[in-house]
C-alpha atoms as a PDB file:
ATOM      1  CA  MET A   1     -20.344 -93.278 -34.217  1.00  0.00           C
ATOM      2  CA  SER A   2     -24.086 -94.124 -35.030  1.00  0.00           C
ATOM      3  CA  CYS A   3     -25.567 -92.858 -32.072  1.00  0.00           C
ATOM      4  CA  SER A   4     -28.270 -90.299 -31.005  1.00  0.00           C
ATOM      5  CA  TYR A   5     -28.741 -88.095 -28.332  1.00  0.00           C
ATOM      6  CA  LEU A   6     -30.882 -85.377 -26.521  1.00  0.00           C
ATOM      7  CA  LEU A   7     -30.428 -83.203 -24.033  1.00  0.00           C
ATOM      8  CA  ILE A   8     -33.355 -81.651 -21.630  1.00  0.00           C
ATOM      9  CA  SER A   9     -33.145 -78.940 -18.983  1.00  0.00           C
ATOM     10  CA  LYS A  10     -37.199 -79.133 -18.143  1.00  0.00           C
ATOM     11  CA  VAL A  11     -39.215 -81.950 -16.859  1.00  0.00           C
ATOM     12  CA  SER A  12     -42.419 -81.807 -15.220  1.00  0.00           C
ATOM     13  CA  GLU A  13     -43.027 -82.179 -11.649  1.00  0.00           C
ATOM     14  CA  ASP A  14     -45.007 -85.250 -11.833  1.00  0.00           C
ATOM     15  CA  PHE A  15     -42.308 -87.246 -13.936  1.00  0.00           C
ATOM     16  CA  TYR A  16     -40.486 -89.566 -11.466  1.00  0.00           C
ATOM     17  CA  PRO A  17     -41.673 -87.144  -8.552  1.00  0.00           C
ATOM     18  CA  GLN A  18     -39.755 -88.455  -5.994  1.00  0.00           C
ATOM     19  CA  LYS A  19     -36.575 -88.639  -7.853  1.00  0.00           C
ATOM     20  CA  SER A  20     -33.660 -86.152  -7.724  1.00  0.00           C
ATOM     21  CA  GLU A  21     -33.849 -83.657 -10.720  1.00  0.00           C
ATOM     22  CA  GLY A  22     -30.926 -85.488 -12.377  1.00  0.00           C
ATOM     23  CA  PHE A  23     -32.664 -88.376 -12.936  1.00  0.00           C
ATOM     24  CA  ARG A  24     -35.299 -87.131 -13.519  1.00  0.00           C
ATOM     25  CA  LEU A  25     -34.134 -84.626 -16.305  1.00  0.00           C
ATOM     26  CA  SER A  26     -32.024 -87.849 -17.952  1.00  0.00           C
ATOM     27  CA  ARG A  27     -35.151 -90.285 -17.620  1.00  0.00           C
ATOM     28  CA  ARG A  28     -37.085 -87.577 -19.515  1.00  0.00           C
ATOM     29  CA  ALA A  29     -34.468 -87.528 -22.343  1.00  0.00           C
ATOM     30  CA  LEU A  30     -34.373 -91.264 -22.250  1.00  0.00           C
ATOM     31  CA  LYS A  31     -38.382 -91.508 -22.675  1.00  0.00           C
ATOM     32  CA  ASP A  32     -38.404 -88.864 -25.892  1.00  0.00           C
ATOM     33  CA  LEU A  33     -35.766 -90.681 -27.357  1.00  0.00           C
ATOM     34  CA  VAL A  34     -37.149 -94.262 -27.099  1.00  0.00           C
ATOM     35  CA  ASP A  35     -40.559 -93.663 -26.852  1.00  0.00           C
ATOM     36  CA  LEU A  36     -41.443 -96.350 -24.255  1.00  0.00           C
ATOM     37  CA  GLU A  37     -42.977 -96.375 -21.019  1.00  0.00           C
ATOM     38  CA  ASN A  38     -40.693 -99.177 -19.366  1.00  0.00           C
ATOM     39  CA  LEU A  39     -37.364 -96.792 -18.698  1.00  0.00           C
ATOM     40  CA  ASN A  40     -35.496 -99.754 -16.759  1.00  0.00           C
ATOM     41  CA  ILE A  41     -31.945-100.074 -17.909  1.00  0.00           C
ATOM     42  CA  VAL A  42     -30.147-103.725 -17.631  1.00  0.00           C
ATOM     43  CA  ASN A  43     -26.488-103.588 -16.316  1.00  0.00           C
ATOM     44  CA  HIS A  44     -26.327 -99.934 -17.790  1.00  0.00           C
ATOM     45  CA  LEU A  45     -26.067-100.993 -20.724  1.00  0.00           C
ATOM     46  CA  TYR A  46     -29.311-101.463 -22.728  1.00  0.00           C
ATOM     47  CA  MET A  47     -33.275-101.280 -22.251  1.00  0.00           C
ATOM     48  CA  GLU A  48     -34.985-103.955 -20.564  1.00  0.00           C
ATOM     49  CA  ASP A  49     -37.977-103.968 -23.204  1.00  0.00           C
ATOM     50  CA  GLN A  50     -35.800-103.607 -26.167  1.00  0.00           C
ATOM     51  CA  GLU A  51     -32.171-105.476 -25.810  1.00  0.00           C
ATOM     52  CA  SER A  52     -31.007-104.149 -29.186  1.00  0.00           C
ATOM     53  CA  THR A  53     -31.595-100.632 -28.146  1.00  0.00           C
ATOM     54  CA  LYS A  54     -27.896 -99.844 -26.432  1.00  0.00           C
ATOM     55  CA  VAL A  55     -28.321 -96.517 -23.986  1.00  0.00           C
ATOM     56  CA  SER A  56     -26.162 -94.322 -21.758  1.00  0.00           C
ATOM     57  CA  ILE A  57     -27.475 -91.507 -19.265  1.00  0.00           C
ATOM     58  CA  SER A  58     -25.673 -88.698 -17.847  1.00  0.00           C
ATOM     59  CA  HIS A  59     -26.942 -85.302 -16.077  1.00  0.00           C
ATOM     60  CA  THR A  60     -25.343 -82.204 -14.406  1.00  0.00           C
ATOM     61  CA  LYS A  61     -26.460 -79.457 -12.510  1.00  0.00           C
ATOM     62  CA  GLY A  62     -30.020 -78.487 -14.348  1.00  0.00           C
ATOM     63  CA  LEU A  63     -29.439 -80.669 -17.505  1.00  0.00           C
ATOM     64  CA  GLY A  64     -29.976 -84.109 -18.441  1.00  0.00           C
ATOM     65  CA  CYS A  65     -28.789 -86.293 -21.614  1.00  0.00           C
ATOM     66  CA  ALA A  66     -29.555 -89.605 -23.041  1.00  0.00           C
ATOM     67  CA  MET A  67     -27.548 -91.494 -25.489  1.00  0.00           C
ATOM     68  CA  ILE A  68     -29.036 -94.611 -27.860  1.00  0.00           C
ATOM     69  CA  SER A  69     -27.938 -96.648 -30.371  1.00  0.00           C
ATOM     70  CA  LYS A  70     -29.417 -99.632 -32.353  1.00  0.00           C
ATOM     71  CA  ASP A  71     -26.208-100.110 -34.305  1.00  0.00           C
ATOM     72  CA  SER A  72     -25.451-103.961 -33.966  1.00  0.00           C
ATOM     73  CA  LYS A  73     -21.882-103.665 -34.296  1.00  0.00           C
ATOM     74  CA  LEU A  74     -21.647-101.473 -30.946  1.00  0.00           C
ATOM     75  CA  GLN A  75     -20.991-103.764 -27.537  1.00  0.00           C
ATOM     76  CA  SER A  76     -21.897-100.675 -25.686  1.00  0.00           C
ATOM     77  CA  ILE A  77     -21.753 -97.028 -25.060  1.00  0.00           C
ATOM     78  CA  GLY A  78     -20.921 -93.880 -22.844  1.00  0.00           C
ATOM     79  CA  VAL A  79     -22.200 -90.539 -22.459  1.00  0.00           C
ATOM     80  CA  ASP A  80     -21.063 -87.121 -20.139  1.00  0.00           C
ATOM     81  CA  ILE A  81     -22.243 -83.796 -20.075  1.00  0.00           C
ATOM     82  CA  GLU A  82     -20.624 -80.887 -18.158  1.00  0.00           C
ATOM     83  CA  TRP A  83     -20.868 -77.144 -17.724  1.00  0.00           C
ATOM     84  CA  SER A  84     -17.453 -76.121 -19.443  1.00  0.00           C
ATOM     85  CA  ASP A  85     -17.232 -73.657 -16.849  1.00  0.00           C
ATOM     86  CA  ARG A  86     -17.750 -76.112 -14.214  1.00  0.00           C
ATOM     87  CA  LYS A  87     -15.009 -75.644 -11.222  1.00  0.00           C
ATOM     88  CA  TYR A  88     -12.898 -78.399  -9.480  1.00  0.00           C
ATOM     89  CA  LYS A  89     -10.922 -78.472  -6.380  1.00  0.00           C
ATOM     90  CA  PRO A  90      -7.443 -77.997  -6.759  1.00  0.00           C
ATOM     91  CA  ALA A  91      -5.200 -80.620  -7.845  1.00  0.00           C
ATOM     92  CA  ILE A  92      -8.303 -82.945  -8.915  1.00  0.00           C
ATOM     93  CA  GLU A  93      -6.418 -84.196 -12.108  1.00  0.00           C
ATOM     94  CA  LYS A  94      -4.120 -86.143 -10.195  1.00  0.00           C
ATOM     95  CA  TYR A  95      -7.182 -88.410  -9.363  1.00  0.00           C
ATOM     96  CA  PHE A  96      -7.747 -89.010 -13.248  1.00  0.00           C
ATOM     97  CA  MET A  97      -5.386 -87.417 -15.669  1.00  0.00           C
ATOM     98  CA  ARG A  98      -2.563 -89.296 -17.194  1.00  0.00           C
ATOM     99  CA  ASP A  99       0.927 -88.223 -19.069  1.00  0.00           C
ATOM    100  CA  GLU A 100      -0.284 -90.281 -21.880  1.00  0.00           C
ATOM    101  CA  ASP A 101      -3.629 -88.001 -21.795  1.00  0.00           C
ATOM    102  CA  GLN A 102      -3.962 -85.952 -25.309  1.00  0.00           C
ATOM    103  CA  GLU A 103      -2.279 -82.542 -24.233  1.00  0.00           C
ATOM    104  CA  SER A 104      -4.578 -80.340 -26.293  1.00  0.00           C
ATOM    105  CA  LEU A 105      -7.895 -81.074 -24.330  1.00  0.00           C
ATOM    106  CA  SER A 106      -8.856 -79.163 -21.519  1.00  0.00           C
ATOM    107  CA  LEU A 107      -9.369 -80.563 -18.318  1.00  0.00           C
ATOM    108  CA  ILE A 108     -12.842 -80.951 -18.411  1.00  0.00           C
ATOM    109  CA  GLN A 109     -12.631 -82.626 -21.896  1.00  0.00           C
ATOM    110  CA  VAL A 110     -10.632 -85.310 -20.696  1.00  0.00           C
ATOM    111  CA  TRP A 111     -12.890 -85.439 -17.611  1.00  0.00           C
ATOM    112  CA  ALA A 112     -15.836 -86.115 -19.659  1.00  0.00           C
ATOM    113  CA  CYS A 113     -14.259 -88.295 -22.390  1.00  0.00           C
ATOM    114  CA  LYS A 114     -13.060 -90.631 -18.960  1.00  0.00           C
ATOM    115  CA  GLU A 115     -16.763 -90.531 -17.705  1.00  0.00           C
ATOM    116  CA  ALA A 116     -17.959 -91.606 -21.562  1.00  0.00           C
ATOM    117  CA  ALA A 117     -15.118 -94.379 -21.328  1.00  0.00           C
ATOM    118  CA  TYR A 118     -15.872 -95.637 -17.893  1.00  0.00           C
ATOM    119  CA  LYS A 119     -20.037 -95.679 -18.544  1.00  0.00           C
ATOM    120  CA  ALA A 120     -19.410 -97.764 -22.141  1.00  0.00           C
ATOM    121  CA  LEU A 121     -16.487 -99.822 -20.246  1.00  0.00           C
ATOM    122  CA  SER A 122     -17.927-100.755 -17.342  1.00  0.00           C
ATOM    123  CA  PRO A 123     -20.956-102.949 -18.186  1.00  0.00           C
ATOM    124  CA  LEU A 124     -18.272-105.654 -20.106  1.00  0.00           C
ATOM    125  CA  TYR A 125     -15.773-105.280 -17.715  1.00  0.00           C
ATOM    126  CA  LYS A 126     -14.854-108.647 -16.040  1.00  0.00           C
ATOM    127  CA  GLY A 127     -11.814-107.916 -13.941  1.00  0.00           C
ATOM    128  CA  GLU A 128     -10.964-107.845 -10.454  1.00  0.00           C
ATOM    129  CA  LYS A 129     -10.134-104.603  -9.652  1.00  0.00           C
ATOM    130  CA  PRO A 130     -12.691-101.999  -9.712  1.00  0.00           C
ATOM    131  CA  LEU A 131     -12.389 -99.408 -12.713  1.00  0.00           C
ATOM    132  CA  VAL A 132     -11.583 -95.774 -12.086  1.00  0.00           C
ATOM    133  CA  LEU A 133     -11.089 -93.003 -14.278  1.00  0.00           C
ATOM    134  CA  LYS A 134      -7.122 -92.690 -13.942  1.00  0.00           C
ATOM    135  CA  ASP A 135      -7.286 -96.392 -15.842  1.00  0.00           C
ATOM    136  CA  PHE A 136      -8.222 -95.054 -19.416  1.00  0.00           C
ATOM    137  CA  VAL A 137      -5.865 -93.023 -21.537  1.00  0.00           C
ATOM    138  CA  ILE A 138      -7.745 -90.476 -23.860  1.00  0.00           C
ATOM    139  CA  ARG A 139      -5.906 -90.008 -27.151  1.00  0.00           C
ATOM    140  CA  ASP A 140      -6.364 -89.393 -30.588  1.00  0.00           C
ATOM    141  CA  GLU A 141     -10.350 -89.923 -30.627  1.00  0.00           C
ATOM    142  CA  ARG A 142      -9.908 -93.457 -29.118  1.00  0.00           C
ATOM    143  CA  MET A 143      -9.763 -94.688 -25.701  1.00  0.00           C
ATOM    144  CA  PHE A 144      -7.285 -97.001 -24.140  1.00  0.00           C
ATOM    145  CA  PHE A 145      -7.562 -99.572 -21.319  1.00  0.00           C
ATOM    146  CA  GLU A 146      -4.559-101.361 -19.874  1.00  0.00           C
ATOM    147  CA  GLY A 147      -2.499-100.224 -22.883  1.00  0.00           C
ATOM    148  CA  ARG A 148      -5.142-101.470 -25.151  1.00  0.00           C
ATOM    149  CA  ASP A 149      -7.232 -99.704 -27.554  1.00  0.00           C
ATOM    150  CA  ILE A 150     -10.684-100.253 -26.929  1.00  0.00           C
ATOM    151  CA  GLY A 151     -12.663 -98.082 -28.869  1.00  0.00           C
ATOM    152  CA  GLU A 152     -14.002 -94.500 -29.970  1.00  0.00           C
ATOM    153  CA  VAL A 153     -14.316 -91.223 -27.820  1.00  0.00           C
ATOM    154  CA  LYS A 154     -15.067 -88.169 -29.532  1.00  0.00           C
ATOM    155  CA  VAL A 155     -16.061 -84.553 -27.272  1.00  0.00           C
ATOM    156  CA  GLU A 156     -17.247 -81.861 -28.427  1.00  0.00           C
ATOM    157  CA  GLU A 157     -18.052 -77.999 -27.509  1.00  0.00           C
ATOM    158  CA  LEU A 158     -21.825 -77.264 -27.465  1.00  0.00           C
ATOM    159  CA  PHE A 159     -23.677 -73.977 -26.090  1.00  0.00           C
ATOM    160  CA  PHE A 160     -26.797 -75.113 -24.861  1.00  0.00           C
ATOM    161  CA  GLU A 161     -29.539 -72.358 -23.549  1.00  0.00           C
ATOM    162  CA  LYS A 162     -26.459 -70.013 -24.184  1.00  0.00           C
ATOM    163  CA  ARG A 163     -23.974 -71.466 -22.052  1.00  0.00           C
ATOM    164  CA  ALA A 164     -21.127 -73.758 -23.022  1.00  0.00           C
ATOM    165  CA  LEU A 165     -21.359 -77.445 -22.506  1.00  0.00           C
ATOM    166  CA  THR A 166     -19.159 -80.453 -23.004  1.00  0.00           C
ATOM    167  CA  LEU A 167     -20.184 -83.619 -24.217  1.00  0.00           C
ATOM    168  CA  ALA A 168     -18.447 -86.982 -24.529  1.00  0.00           C
ATOM    169  CA  GLN A 169     -19.799 -89.600 -26.350  1.00  0.00           C
ATOM    170  CA  ALA A 170     -17.685 -93.198 -26.224  1.00  0.00           C
ATOM    171  CA  THR A 171     -17.983 -96.285 -28.223  1.00  0.00           C
ATOM    172  CA  ILE A 172     -17.056 -99.858 -27.955  1.00  0.00           C
ATOM    173  CA  SER A 173     -17.506-102.108 -31.175  1.00  0.00           C
ATOM    174  CA  PHE A 174     -17.523-105.800 -30.810  1.00  0.00           C
ATOM    175  CA  SER A 175     -14.399-105.646 -32.847  1.00  0.00           C
ATOM    176  CA  ASP A 176     -12.463-103.357 -30.460  1.00  0.00           C
ATOM    177  CA  TYR A 177     -13.368-105.175 -27.069  1.00  0.00           C
END
């Protein structure tokens, strides 16, 4: 995976002041990675002023993340971050887990991987039905959609400001999809 990412937990009040904290944090991380004034993202896929730069953003309470890649072999990328101690409603897994998902991954890891996979596939997807997280299977650092291997997904546990964080990154290369 040839991607770079940046996590941000603080942003000045004058940076997109009318926007939500999550928007502001993820866009600040993006700005620091791409060093562009125009932070418009086209089709959830690339920078408006730099089409060769693939981009994905994510946020969770008090934290923003941006991921970019200039790798010409990559068609799309996706990122998701979640605090590892995030609480979910009981039985939420029925909405995104599948029997085929890798059993050694925790609930939060599967959730993050599927969010990243969704973000990577959605700008490329031309199907008739809406995509949902349950459409994806995560197994052996690969992501599958409709039974087909469509790319790579990696998940890691980090500590950010003394708190456990789950970070998932997904990539779809031209040869995969």
